[in-house]
PDB file of N, CA and C in Angstrom:
ATOM      1  N   MET A   1      -8.508  16.203 -13.124  1.00  0.00           N
ATOM      2  CA  MET A   1      -7.498  15.283 -13.587  1.00  0.00           C
ATOM      3  C   MET A   1      -6.680  14.702 -12.411  1.00  0.00           C
ATOM      4  N   ARG A   2      -6.370  15.545 -11.477  1.00  0.00           N
ATOM      5  CA  ARG A   2      -5.610  15.091 -10.297  1.00  0.00           C
ATOM      6  C   ARG A   2      -6.362  13.977  -9.537  1.00  0.00           C
ATOM      7  N   ARG A   3      -7.663  14.145  -9.388  1.00  0.00           N
ATOM      8  CA  ARG A   3      -8.466  13.155  -8.707  1.00  0.00           C
ATOM      9  C   ARG A   3      -8.477  11.837  -9.485  1.00  0.00           C
ATOM     10  N   ILE A   4      -8.499  11.897 -10.791  1.00  0.00           N
ATOM     11  CA  ILE A   4      -8.503  10.720 -11.628  1.00  0.00           C
ATOM     12  C   ILE A   4      -7.192   9.936 -11.447  1.00  0.00           C
ATOM     13  N   ILE A   5      -6.070  10.669 -11.505  1.00  0.00           N
ATOM     14  CA  ILE A   5      -4.783  10.044 -11.356  1.00  0.00           C
ATOM     15  C   ILE A   5      -4.640   9.466  -9.927  1.00  0.00           C
ATOM     16  N   LEU A   6      -5.051  10.213  -8.957  1.00  0.00           N
ATOM     17  CA  LEU A   6      -5.028   9.726  -7.567  1.00  0.00           C
ATOM     18  C   LEU A   6      -5.900   8.486  -7.404  1.00  0.00           C
ATOM     19  N   SER A   7      -7.058   8.509  -7.996  1.00  0.00           N
ATOM     20  CA  SER A   7      -7.953   7.350  -7.925  1.00  0.00           C
ATOM     21  C   SER A   7      -7.272   6.139  -8.561  1.00  0.00           C
ATOM     22  N   LEU A   8      -6.614   6.325  -9.698  1.00  0.00           N
ATOM     23  CA  LEU A   8      -5.953   5.195 -10.334  1.00  0.00           C
ATOM     24  C   LEU A   8      -4.848   4.656  -9.445  1.00  0.00           C
ATOM     25  N   ILE A   9      -4.131   5.533  -8.810  1.00  0.00           N
ATOM     26  CA  ILE A   9      -3.024   5.067  -7.961  1.00  0.00           C
ATOM     27  C   ILE A   9      -3.635   4.246  -6.771  1.00  0.00           C
ATOM     28  N   LEU A  10      -4.724   4.650  -6.210  1.00  0.00           N
ATOM     29  CA  LEU A  10      -5.245   4.020  -5.058  1.00  0.00           C
ATOM     30  C   LEU A  10      -6.109   2.774  -5.361  1.00  0.00           C
ATOM     31  N   THR A  11      -6.559   2.663  -6.586  1.00  0.00           N
ATOM     32  CA  THR A  11      -7.476   1.544  -6.930  1.00  0.00           C
ATOM     33  C   THR A  11      -6.971   0.796  -8.140  1.00  0.00           C
ATOM     34  N   ILE A  12      -5.713   0.653  -8.280  1.00  0.00           N
ATOM     35  CA  ILE A  12      -5.073   0.114  -9.475  1.00  0.00           C
ATOM     36  C   ILE A  12      -5.780  -1.153  -9.995  1.00  0.00           C
ATOM     37  N   PHE A  13      -5.862  -2.142  -9.199  1.00  0.00           N
ATOM     38  CA  PHE A  13      -6.483  -3.354  -9.604  1.00  0.00           C
ATOM     39  C   PHE A  13      -7.482  -3.794  -8.525  1.00  0.00           C
ATOM     40  N   ALA A  14      -8.703  -4.106  -8.915  1.00  0.00           N
ATOM     41  CA  ALA A  14      -9.616  -4.675  -7.960  1.00  0.00           C
ATOM     42  C   ALA A  14      -9.255  -6.158  -7.819  1.00  0.00           C
ATOM     43  N   SER A  15      -9.295  -6.632  -6.574  1.00  0.00           N
ATOM     44  CA  SER A  15      -9.002  -8.042  -6.421  1.00  0.00           C
ATOM     45  C   SER A  15      -9.793  -8.576  -5.219  1.00  0.00           C
ATOM     46  N   SER A  16      -9.981  -9.863  -5.193  1.00  0.00           N
ATOM     47  CA  SER A  16     -10.666 -10.520  -4.113  1.00  0.00           C
ATOM     48  C   SER A  16      -9.603 -11.111  -3.172  1.00  0.00           C
ATOM     49  N   ALA A  17      -9.840 -11.044  -1.935  1.00  0.00           N
ATOM     50  CA  ALA A  17      -8.937 -11.607  -0.929  1.00  0.00           C
ATOM     51  C   ALA A  17      -9.232 -13.087  -0.689  1.00  0.00           C
ATOM     52  N   PHE A  18     -10.133 -13.679  -1.429  1.00  0.00           N
ATOM     53  CA  PHE A  18     -10.575 -15.038  -1.233  1.00  0.00           C
ATOM     54  C   PHE A  18      -9.492 -16.034  -1.126  1.00  0.00           C
ATOM     55  N   ALA A  19      -8.582 -16.119  -2.113  1.00  0.00           N
ATOM     56  CA  ALA A  19      -7.558 -17.142  -2.097  1.00  0.00           C
ATOM     57  C   ALA A  19      -6.224 -16.684  -1.605  1.00  0.00           C
ATOM     58  N   ASN A  20      -6.184 -15.574  -0.920  1.00  0.00           N
ATOM     59  CA  ASN A  20      -4.917 -15.002  -0.495  1.00  0.00           C
ATOM     60  C   ASN A  20      -4.629 -15.257   0.963  1.00  0.00           C
ATOM     61  N   ASP A  21      -3.361 -15.202   1.348  1.00  0.00           N
ATOM     62  CA  ASP A  21      -2.967 -15.379   2.733  1.00  0.00           C
ATOM     63  C   ASP A  21      -2.973 -13.979   3.365  1.00  0.00           C
ATOM     64  N   ARG A  22      -3.757 -13.849   4.431  1.00  0.00           N
ATOM     65  CA  ARG A  22      -3.849 -12.592   5.117  1.00  0.00           C
ATOM     66  C   ARG A  22      -2.689 -12.387   6.046  1.00  0.00           C
ATOM     67  N   ILE A  23      -2.123 -11.188   6.041  1.00  0.00           N
ATOM     68  CA  ILE A  23      -1.052 -10.831   6.921  1.00  0.00           C
ATOM     69  C   ILE A  23      -1.687 -10.302   8.183  1.00  0.00           C
ATOM     70  N   LEU A  24      -1.409 -10.930   9.353  1.00  0.00           N
ATOM     71  CA  LEU A  24      -2.154 -10.636  10.542  1.00  0.00           C
ATOM     72  C   LEU A  24      -1.396  -9.757  11.557  1.00  0.00           C
ATOM     73  N   ASN A  25      -0.066  -9.683  11.420  1.00  0.00           N
ATOM     74  CA  ASN A  25       0.679  -8.928  12.419  1.00  0.00           C
ATOM     75  C   ASN A  25       1.842  -8.154  11.821  1.00  0.00           C
ATOM     76  N   ARG A  26       2.325  -7.252  12.622  1.00  0.00           N
ATOM     77  CA  ARG A  26       3.395  -6.320  12.182  1.00  0.00           C
ATOM     78  C   ARG A  26       4.644  -7.073  11.795  1.00  0.00           C
ATOM     79  N   ALA A  27       5.031  -8.080  12.597  1.00  0.00           N
ATOM     80  CA  ALA A  27       6.275  -8.843  12.348  1.00  0.00           C
ATOM     81  C   ALA A  27       6.198  -9.533  10.985  1.00  0.00           C
ATOM     82  N   ALA A  28       5.072 -10.169  10.671  1.00  0.00           N
ATOM     83  CA  ALA A  28       4.939 -10.875   9.401  1.00  0.00           C
ATOM     84  C   ALA A  28       4.965  -9.855   8.243  1.00  0.00           C
ATOM     85  N   PHE A  29       4.347  -8.687   8.447  1.00  0.00           N
ATOM     86  CA  PHE A  29       4.348  -7.684   7.423  1.00  0.00           C
ATOM     87  C   PHE A  29       5.765  -7.199   7.162  1.00  0.00           C
ATOM     88  N   LEU A  30       6.479  -6.865   8.228  1.00  0.00           N
ATOM     89  CA  LEU A  30       7.890  -6.348   8.075  1.00  0.00           C
ATOM     90  C   LEU A  30       8.773  -7.397   7.409  1.00  0.00           C
ATOM     91  N   GLU A  31       8.549  -8.674   7.716  1.00  0.00           N
ATOM     92  CA  GLU A  31       9.353  -9.717   7.092  1.00  0.00           C
ATOM     93  C   GLU A  31       9.193  -9.692   5.552  1.00  0.00           C
ATOM     94  N   LEU A  32       8.014  -9.306   5.087  1.00  0.00           N
ATOM     95  CA  LEU A  32       7.740  -9.234   3.675  1.00  0.00           C
ATOM     96  C   LEU A  32       8.293  -7.973   2.966  1.00  0.00           C
ATOM     97  N   VAL A  33       8.218  -6.859   3.679  1.00  0.00           N
ATOM     98  CA  VAL A  33       8.503  -5.581   2.993  1.00  0.00           C
ATOM     99  C   VAL A  33       9.840  -4.925   3.281  1.00  0.00           C
ATOM    100  N   LEU A  34      10.508  -5.268   4.397  1.00  0.00           N
ATOM    101  CA  LEU A  34      11.783  -4.581   4.709  1.00  0.00           C
ATOM    102  C   LEU A  34      12.813  -4.896   3.654  1.00  0.00           C
ATOM    103  N   GLY A  35      13.438  -3.824   3.195  1.00  0.00           N
ATOM    104  CA  GLY A  35      14.510  -3.969   2.198  1.00  0.00           C
ATOM    105  C   GLY A  35      13.999  -4.216   0.777  1.00  0.00           C
ATOM    106  N   LYS A  36      12.691  -4.127   0.599  1.00  0.00           N
ATOM    107  CA  LYS A  36      12.123  -4.331  -0.721  1.00  0.00           C
ATOM    108  C   LYS A  36      11.406  -3.039  -1.201  1.00  0.00           C
ATOM    109  N   THR A  37      11.191  -3.036  -2.498  1.00  0.00           N
ATOM    110  CA  THR A  37      10.384  -1.935  -3.123  1.00  0.00           C
ATOM    111  C   THR A  37       9.040  -2.458  -3.522  1.00  0.00           C
ATOM    112  N   LEU A  38       7.994  -1.793  -3.100  1.00  0.00           N
ATOM    113  CA  LEU A  38       6.646  -2.148  -3.527  1.00  0.00           C
ATOM    114  C   LEU A  38       6.358  -1.354  -4.814  1.00  0.00           C
ATOM    115  N   GLY A  39       5.949  -2.042  -5.838  1.00  0.00           N
ATOM    116  CA  GLY A  39       5.788  -1.361  -7.117  1.00  0.00           C
ATOM    117  C   GLY A  39       4.520  -1.696  -7.912  1.00  0.00           C
ATOM    118  N   ILE A  40       4.079  -0.742  -8.635  1.00  0.00           N
ATOM    119  CA  ILE A  40       3.066  -0.878  -9.667  1.00  0.00           C
ATOM    120  C   ILE A  40       3.630  -0.202 -10.929  1.00  0.00           C
ATOM    121  N   PRO A  41       4.346  -0.951 -11.756  1.00  0.00           N
ATOM    122  CA  PRO A  41       5.043  -0.313 -12.871  1.00  0.00           C
ATOM    123  C   PRO A  41       4.158   0.445 -13.826  1.00  0.00           C
ATOM    124  N   LEU A  42       2.973   0.021 -14.056  1.00  0.00           N
ATOM    125  CA  LEU A  42       2.090   0.706 -14.997  1.00  0.00           C
ATOM    126  C   LEU A  42       1.864   2.172 -14.615  1.00  0.00           C
ATOM    127  N   PHE A  43       1.858   2.432 -13.305  1.00  0.00           N
ATOM    128  CA  PHE A  43       1.619   3.772 -12.829  1.00  0.00           C
ATOM    129  C   PHE A  43       2.827   4.444 -12.185  1.00  0.00           C
ATOM    130  N   LEU A  44       3.973   3.830 -12.509  1.00  0.00           N
ATOM    131  CA  LEU A  44       5.256   4.384 -12.006  1.00  0.00           C
ATOM    132  C   LEU A  44       5.245   4.517 -10.482  1.00  0.00           C
ATOM    133  N   VAL A  45       4.652   3.583  -9.782  1.00  0.00           N
ATOM    134  CA  VAL A  45       4.605   3.594  -8.315  1.00  0.00           C
ATOM    135  C   VAL A  45       5.737   2.729  -7.773  1.00  0.00           C
ATOM    136  N   ARG A  46       6.555   3.331  -6.920  1.00  0.00           N
ATOM    137  CA  ARG A  46       7.666   2.646  -6.242  1.00  0.00           C
ATOM    138  C   ARG A  46       7.684   3.186  -4.814  1.00  0.00           C
ATOM    139  N   LEU A  47       7.425   2.304  -3.874  1.00  0.00           N
ATOM    140  CA  LEU A  47       7.363   2.683  -2.465  1.00  0.00           C
ATOM    141  C   LEU A  47       8.292   1.824  -1.617  1.00  0.00           C
ATOM    142  N   ARG A  48       8.796   2.422  -0.556  1.00  0.00           N
ATOM    143  CA  ARG A  48       9.575   1.673   0.452  1.00  0.00           C
ATOM    144  C   ARG A  48       8.892   1.924   1.802  1.00  0.00           C
ATOM    145  N   ILE A  49       8.731   0.835   2.554  1.00  0.00           N
ATOM    146  CA  ILE A  49       8.121   0.935   3.856  1.00  0.00           C
ATOM    147  C   ILE A  49       9.227   0.607   4.882  1.00  0.00           C
ATOM    148  N   TYR A  50       9.368   1.438   5.908  1.00  0.00           N
ATOM    149  CA  TYR A  50      10.465   1.276   6.851  1.00  0.00           C
ATOM    150  C   TYR A  50       9.953   0.880   8.204  1.00  0.00           C
ATOM    151  N   GLU A  51      10.809   0.226   8.964  1.00  0.00           N
ATOM    152  CA  GLU A  51      10.493  -0.271  10.313  1.00  0.00           C
ATOM    153  C   GLU A  51      10.135   0.894  11.265  1.00  0.00           C
ATOM    154  N   ASP A  52      10.695   2.067  11.047  1.00  0.00           N
ATOM    155  CA  ASP A  52      10.464   3.208  11.937  1.00  0.00           C
ATOM    156  C   ASP A  52       9.078   3.835  11.715  1.00  0.00           C
ATOM    157  N   GLY A  53       8.276   3.276  10.814  1.00  0.00           N
ATOM    158  CA  GLY A  53       6.934   3.794  10.603  1.00  0.00           C
ATOM    159  C   GLY A  53       6.824   4.792   9.431  1.00  0.00           C
ATOM    160  N   SER A  54       7.877   4.940   8.671  1.00  0.00           N
ATOM    161  CA  SER A  54       7.816   5.874   7.565  1.00  0.00           C
ATOM    162  C   SER A  54       7.606   5.161   6.222  1.00  0.00           C
ATOM    163  N   ILE A  55       7.092   5.923   5.284  1.00  0.00           N
ATOM    164  CA  ILE A  55       6.880   5.446   3.904  1.00  0.00           C
ATOM    165  C   ILE A  55       7.492   6.478   2.992  1.00  0.00           C
ATOM    166  N   GLN A  56       8.259   6.078   1.984  1.00  0.00           N
ATOM    167  CA  GLN A  56       8.897   6.984   1.041  1.00  0.00           C
ATOM    168  C   GLN A  56       8.788   6.365  -0.367  1.00  0.00           C
ATOM    169  N   GLY A  57       8.676   7.250  -1.338  1.00  0.00           N
ATOM    170  CA  GLY A  57       8.697   6.731  -2.719  1.00  0.00           C
ATOM    171  C   GLY A  57       8.265   7.710  -3.723  1.00  0.00           C
ATOM    172  N   LYS A  58       7.806   7.218  -4.874  1.00  0.00           N
ATOM    173  CA  LYS A  58       7.321   8.079  -5.938  1.00  0.00           C
ATOM    174  C   LYS A  58       6.125   7.403  -6.565  1.00  0.00           C
ATOM    175  N   ALA A  59       5.232   8.223  -7.139  1.00  0.00           N
ATOM    176  CA  ALA A  59       4.104   7.742  -7.927  1.00  0.00           C
ATOM    177  C   ALA A  59       3.752   8.764  -8.952  1.00  0.00           C
ATOM    178  N   MET A  60       3.703   8.376 -10.211  1.00  0.00           N
ATOM    179  CA  MET A  60       3.384   9.247 -11.283  1.00  0.00           C
ATOM    180  C   MET A  60       4.238  10.499 -11.305  1.00  0.00           C
ATOM    181  N   GLY A  61       5.525  10.325 -10.962  1.00  0.00           N
ATOM    182  CA  GLY A  61       6.472  11.449 -10.982  1.00  0.00           C
ATOM    183  C   GLY A  61       6.490  12.349  -9.799  1.00  0.00           C
ATOM    184  N   ARG A  62       5.661  12.079  -8.806  1.00  0.00           N
ATOM    185  CA  ARG A  62       5.613  12.899  -7.563  1.00  0.00           C
ATOM    186  C   ARG A  62       6.120  12.132  -6.386  1.00  0.00           C
ATOM    187  N   GLN A  63       6.687  12.854  -5.450  1.00  0.00           N
ATOM    188  CA  GLN A  63       7.154  12.240  -4.219  1.00  0.00           C
ATOM    189  C   GLN A  63       5.947  11.729  -3.406  1.00  0.00           C
ATOM    190  N   VAL A  64       6.145  10.592  -2.779  1.00  0.00           N
ATOM    191  CA  VAL A  64       5.157  10.068  -1.845  1.00  0.00           C
ATOM    192  C   VAL A  64       5.877   9.932  -0.493  1.00  0.00           C
ATOM    193  N   SER A  65       5.205  10.403   0.550  1.00  0.00           N
ATOM    194  CA  SER A  65       5.736  10.258   1.888  1.00  0.00           C
ATOM    195  C   SER A  65       4.578  10.035   2.850  1.00  0.00           C
ATOM    196  N   GLY A  66       4.870   9.356   3.919  1.00  0.00           N
ATOM    197  CA  GLY A  66       3.807   9.078   4.899  1.00  0.00           C
ATOM    198  C   GLY A  66       4.337   8.353   6.108  1.00  0.00           C
ATOM    199  N   LEU A  67       3.357   8.017   6.916  1.00  0.00           N
ATOM    200  CA  LEU A  67       3.587   7.257   8.145  1.00  0.00           C
ATOM    201  C   LEU A  67       2.653   6.032   8.193  1.00  0.00           C
ATOM    202  N   TRP A  68       3.106   4.980   8.848  1.00  0.00           N
ATOM    203  CA  TRP A  68       2.224   3.846   8.994  1.00  0.00           C
ATOM    204  C   TRP A  68       2.392   3.214  10.409  1.00  0.00           C
ATOM    205  N   GLU A  69       1.397   2.442  10.769  1.00  0.00           N
ATOM    206  CA  GLU A  69       1.444   1.692  12.005  1.00  0.00           C
ATOM    207  C   GLU A  69       0.567   0.449  11.791  1.00  0.00           C
ATOM    208  N   TRP A  70       0.826  -0.591  12.596  1.00  0.00           N
ATOM    209  CA  TRP A  70       0.001  -1.806  12.547  1.00  0.00           C
ATOM    210  C   TRP A  70      -1.014  -1.693  13.666  1.00  0.00           C
ATOM    211  N   GLU A  71      -2.265  -1.790  13.330  1.00  0.00           N
ATOM    212  CA  GLU A  71      -3.329  -1.586  14.311  1.00  0.00           C
ATOM    213  C   GLU A  71      -4.384  -2.690  14.237  1.00  0.00           C
ATOM    214  N   THR A  72      -4.459  -3.529  15.257  1.00  0.00           N
ATOM    215  CA  THR A  72      -5.450  -4.610  15.342  1.00  0.00           C
ATOM    216  C   THR A  72      -5.606  -5.349  14.034  1.00  0.00           C
ATOM    217  N   GLY A  73      -4.533  -5.803  13.458  1.00  0.00           N
ATOM    218  CA  GLY A  73      -4.547  -6.638  12.259  1.00  0.00           C
ATOM    219  C   GLY A  73      -4.596  -5.877  10.946  1.00  0.00           C
ATOM    220  N   TYR A  74      -4.461  -4.582  10.995  1.00  0.00           N
ATOM    221  CA  TYR A  74      -4.519  -3.761   9.772  1.00  0.00           C
ATOM    222  C   TYR A  74      -3.353  -2.799   9.638  1.00  0.00           C
ATOM    223  N   PHE A  75      -2.950  -2.575   8.386  1.00  0.00           N
ATOM    224  CA  PHE A  75      -1.932  -1.585   8.049  1.00  0.00           C
ATOM    225  C   PHE A  75      -2.646  -0.228   7.948  1.00  0.00           C
ATOM    226  N   CYS A  76      -2.317   0.657   8.852  1.00  0.00           N
ATOM    227  CA  CYS A  76      -2.994   1.965   8.897  1.00  0.00           C
ATOM    228  C   CYS A  76      -1.923   3.016   8.497  1.00  0.00           C
ATOM    229  N   ARG A  77      -2.262   3.827   7.464  1.00  0.00           N
ATOM    230  CA  ARG A  77      -1.304   4.752   6.925  1.00  0.00           C
ATOM    231  C   ARG A  77      -1.926   6.109   6.638  1.00  0.00           C
ATOM    232  N   THR A  78      -1.039   7.131   6.635  1.00  0.00           N
ATOM    233  CA  THR A  78      -1.342   8.424   6.157  1.00  0.00           C
ATOM    234  C   THR A  78      -0.309   8.684   5.019  1.00  0.00           C
ATOM    235  N   LEU A  79      -0.716   9.335   3.958  1.00  0.00           N
ATOM    236  CA  LEU A  79       0.196   9.579   2.839  1.00  0.00           C
ATOM    237  C   LEU A  79       0.042  10.969   2.280  1.00  0.00           C
ATOM    238  N   PHE A  80       1.122  11.496   1.768  1.00  0.00           N
ATOM    239  CA  PHE A  80       1.100  12.697   0.922  1.00  0.00           C
ATOM    240  C   PHE A  80       1.633  12.262  -0.445  1.00  0.00           C
ATOM    241  N   TRP A  81       0.883  12.621  -1.498  1.00  0.00           N
ATOM    242  CA  TRP A  81       1.337  12.462  -2.849  1.00  0.00           C
ATOM    243  C   TRP A  81       1.625  13.843  -3.412  1.00  0.00           C
ATOM    244  N   GLY A  82       2.903  14.229  -3.400  1.00  0.00           N
ATOM    245  CA  GLY A  82       3.254  15.625  -3.618  1.00  0.00           C
ATOM    246  C   GLY A  82       2.668  16.411  -2.458  1.00  0.00           C
ATOM    247  N   SER A  83       1.854  17.390  -2.749  1.00  0.00           N
ATOM    248  CA  SER A  83       1.209  18.177  -1.686  1.00  0.00           C
ATOM    249  C   SER A  83      -0.177  17.709  -1.365  1.00  0.00           C
ATOM    250  N   VAL A  84      -0.666  16.672  -2.055  1.00  0.00           N
ATOM    251  CA  VAL A  84      -2.017  16.142  -1.818  1.00  0.00           C
ATOM    252  C   VAL A  84      -2.021  15.211  -0.646  1.00  0.00           C
ATOM    253  N   ASP A  85      -2.840  15.545   0.362  1.00  0.00           N
ATOM    254  CA  ASP A  85      -3.020  14.751   1.560  1.00  0.00           C
ATOM    255  C   ASP A  85      -3.982  13.611   1.272  1.00  0.00           C
ATOM    256  N   ILE A  86      -3.477  12.387   1.349  1.00  0.00           N
ATOM    257  CA  ILE A  86      -4.327  11.209   1.203  1.00  0.00           C
ATOM    258  C   ILE A  86      -4.627  10.789   2.633  1.00  0.00           C
ATOM    259  N   SER A  87      -5.820  10.980   3.061  1.00  0.00           N
ATOM    260  CA  SER A  87      -6.181  10.787   4.447  1.00  0.00           C
ATOM    261  C   SER A  87      -5.897   9.378   4.998  1.00  0.00           C
ATOM    262  N   ARG A  88      -5.873   9.307   6.301  1.00  0.00           N
ATOM    263  CA  ARG A  88      -5.588   8.026   6.985  1.00  0.00           C
ATOM    264  C   ARG A  88      -6.571   6.959   6.561  1.00  0.00           C
ATOM    265  N   ASN A  89      -6.045   5.750   6.373  1.00  0.00           N
ATOM    266  CA  ASN A  89      -6.900   4.601   6.019  1.00  0.00           C
ATOM    267  C   ASN A  89      -6.251   3.342   6.572  1.00  0.00           C
ATOM    268  N   CYS A  90      -7.061   2.461   7.133  1.00  0.00           N
ATOM    269  CA  CYS A  90      -6.549   1.198   7.623  1.00  0.00           C
ATOM    270  C   CYS A  90      -6.954   0.119   6.579  1.00  0.00           C
ATOM    271  N   GLN A  91      -5.933  -0.680   6.213  1.00  0.00           N
ATOM    272  CA  GLN A  91      -6.112  -1.574   5.123  1.00  0.00           C
ATOM    273  C   GLN A  91      -5.720  -3.031   5.488  1.00  0.00           C
ATOM    274  N   GLU A  92      -6.532  -3.937   4.948  1.00  0.00           N
ATOM    275  CA  GLU A  92      -6.215  -5.348   5.086  1.00  0.00           C
ATOM    276  C   GLU A  92      -5.085  -5.660   4.095  1.00  0.00           C
ATOM    277  N   VAL A  93      -4.130  -6.471   4.518  1.00  0.00           N
ATOM    278  CA  VAL A  93      -2.995  -6.797   3.667  1.00  0.00           C
ATOM    279  C   VAL A  93      -2.995  -8.300   3.473  1.00  0.00           C
ATOM    280  N   THR A  94      -2.948  -8.709   2.233  1.00  0.00           N
ATOM    281  CA  THR A  94      -2.848 -10.163   1.892  1.00  0.00           C
ATOM    282  C   THR A  94      -1.734 -10.386   0.913  1.00  0.00           C
ATOM    283  N   LEU A  95      -1.316 -11.628   0.839  1.00  0.00           N
ATOM    284  CA  LEU A  95      -0.235 -12.029  -0.063  1.00  0.00           C
ATOM    285  C   LEU A  95      -0.802 -13.041  -1.029  1.00  0.00           C
ATOM    286  N   ASP A  96      -0.645 -12.759  -2.329  1.00  0.00           N
ATOM    287  CA  ASP A  96      -1.080 -13.639  -3.393  1.00  0.00           C
ATOM    288  C   ASP A  96       0.147 -13.920  -4.279  1.00  0.00           C
ATOM    289  N   SER A  97       0.717 -15.083  -4.145  1.00  0.00           N
ATOM    290  CA  SER A  97       1.935 -15.433  -4.824  1.00  0.00           C
ATOM    291  C   SER A  97       3.031 -14.437  -4.422  1.00  0.00           C
ATOM    292  N   ARG A  98       3.495 -13.605  -5.374  1.00  0.00           N
ATOM    293  CA  ARG A  98       4.469 -12.599  -5.032  1.00  0.00           C
ATOM    294  C   ARG A  98       3.932 -11.174  -5.087  1.00  0.00           C
ATOM    295  N   LYS A  99       2.662 -11.011  -4.945  1.00  0.00           N
ATOM    296  CA  LYS A  99       2.050  -9.705  -4.952  1.00  0.00           C
ATOM    297  C   LYS A  99       1.466  -9.451  -3.547  1.00  0.00           C
ATOM    298  N   LEU A 100       1.692  -8.247  -3.035  1.00  0.00           N
ATOM    299  CA  LEU A 100       1.071  -7.793  -1.796  1.00  0.00           C
ATOM    300  C   LEU A 100      -0.126  -6.979  -2.147  1.00  0.00           C
ATOM    301  N   ILE A 101      -1.258  -7.334  -1.549  1.00  0.00           N
ATOM    302  CA  ILE A 101      -2.539  -6.685  -1.872  1.00  0.00           C
ATOM    303  C   ILE A 101      -3.005  -5.900  -0.661  1.00  0.00           C
ATOM    304  N   PHE A 102      -3.214  -4.599  -0.886  1.00  0.00           N
ATOM    305  CA  PHE A 102      -3.747  -3.714   0.173  1.00  0.00           C
ATOM    306  C   PHE A 102      -5.225  -3.436  -0.201  1.00  0.00           C
ATOM    307  N   THR A 103      -6.108  -3.725   0.694  1.00  0.00           N
ATOM    308  CA  THR A 103      -7.538  -3.503   0.500  1.00  0.00           C
ATOM    309  C   THR A 103      -8.001  -2.438   1.492  1.00  0.00           C
ATOM    310  N   SER A 104      -8.440  -1.314   0.996  1.00  0.00           N
ATOM    311  CA  SER A 104      -8.799  -0.149   1.808  1.00  0.00           C
ATOM    312  C   SER A 104      -9.996  -0.466   2.720  1.00  0.00           C
ATOM    313  N   ASP A 105     -10.242   0.460   3.622  1.00  0.00           N
ATOM    314  CA  ASP A 105     -11.420   0.417   4.512  1.00  0.00           C
ATOM    315  C   ASP A 105     -11.505  -0.911   5.243  1.00  0.00           C
ATOM    316  N   ARG A 106     -10.403  -1.315   5.853  1.00  0.00           N
ATOM    317  CA  ARG A 106     -10.327  -2.579   6.651  1.00  0.00           C
ATOM    318  C   ARG A 106     -10.816  -3.808   5.852  1.00  0.00           C
ATOM    319  N   GLY A 107     -10.460  -3.816   4.567  1.00  0.00           N
ATOM    320  CA  GLY A 107     -10.755  -4.990   3.760  1.00  0.00           C
ATOM    321  C   GLY A 107     -12.073  -4.961   3.022  1.00  0.00           C
ATOM    322  N   THR A 108     -12.799  -3.842   3.111  1.00  0.00           N
ATOM    323  CA  THR A 108     -14.092  -3.764   2.455  1.00  0.00           C
ATOM    324  C   THR A 108     -14.115  -2.872   1.238  1.00  0.00           C
ATOM    325  N   GLY A 109     -13.003  -2.175   0.997  1.00  0.00           N
ATOM    326  CA  GLY A 109     -12.921  -1.237  -0.110  1.00  0.00           C
ATOM    327  C   GLY A 109     -12.179  -1.756  -1.337  1.00  0.00           C
ATOM    328  N   ARG A 110     -11.579  -0.853  -2.036  1.00  0.00           N
ATOM    329  CA  ARG A 110     -10.846  -1.169  -3.270  1.00  0.00           C
ATOM    330  C   ARG A 110      -9.449  -1.661  -2.925  1.00  0.00           C
ATOM    331  N   SER A 111      -8.863  -2.373  -3.859  1.00  0.00           N
ATOM    332  CA  SER A 111      -7.555  -3.012  -3.658  1.00  0.00           C
ATOM    333  C   SER A 111      -6.512  -2.530  -4.649  1.00  0.00           C
ATOM    334  N   ALA A 112      -5.304  -2.585  -4.211  1.00  0.00           N
ATOM    335  CA  ALA A 112      -4.147  -2.314  -5.102  1.00  0.00           C
ATOM    336  C   ALA A 112      -3.144  -3.457  -4.867  1.00  0.00           C
ATOM    337  N   ARG A 113      -2.590  -3.973  -6.004  1.00  0.00           N
ATOM    338  CA  ARG A 113      -1.645  -5.113  -5.960  1.00  0.00           C
ATOM    339  C   ARG A 113      -0.230  -4.566  -6.273  1.00  0.00           C
ATOM    340  N   PHE A 114       0.669  -4.859  -5.338  1.00  0.00           N
ATOM    341  CA  PHE A 114       2.072  -4.381  -5.486  1.00  0.00           C
ATOM    342  C   PHE A 114       3.002  -5.530  -5.645  1.00  0.00           C
ATOM    343  N   SER A 115       3.943  -5.399  -6.575  1.00  0.00           N
ATOM    344  CA  SER A 115       4.990  -6.384  -6.663  1.00  0.00           C
ATOM    345  C   SER A 115       6.009  -6.089  -5.574  1.00  0.00           C
ATOM    346  N   LEU A 116       6.713  -7.077  -5.168  1.00  0.00           N
ATOM    347  CA  LEU A 116       7.784  -6.963  -4.142  1.00  0.00           C
ATOM    348  C   LEU A 116       9.121  -7.287  -4.788  1.00  0.00           C
ATOM    349  N   LYS A 117      10.021  -6.290  -4.859  1.00  0.00           N
ATOM    350  CA  LYS A 117      11.325  -6.530  -5.442  1.00  0.00           C
ATOM    351  C   LYS A 117      12.418  -5.966  -4.536  1.00  0.00           C
TER     352      LYS A 117
END
């Protein structure tokens, strides 16, 4: 059951990056996320990304914490969902209207769409 919930959190919505604007650098990424909450209401996901490289929030009633860095055009993060270690992954980040889309495995994997509020 834990794996199913975790899978849902990580693969909320499949999406194509075809018509989206790719975020290419740390400064552009921070301009979008600083002071905002990234959310997926259906799964009670609310995350904040901080300039110091930390990630904090909640998902499905559990604390989420982690670290991130910008590496050669990708958002690379490690996360803990409660006590579950979600291993490091570098993700392509794109913007579609007012949704930020993170696509795992350097843009070749599954995607999750987050609102920005």
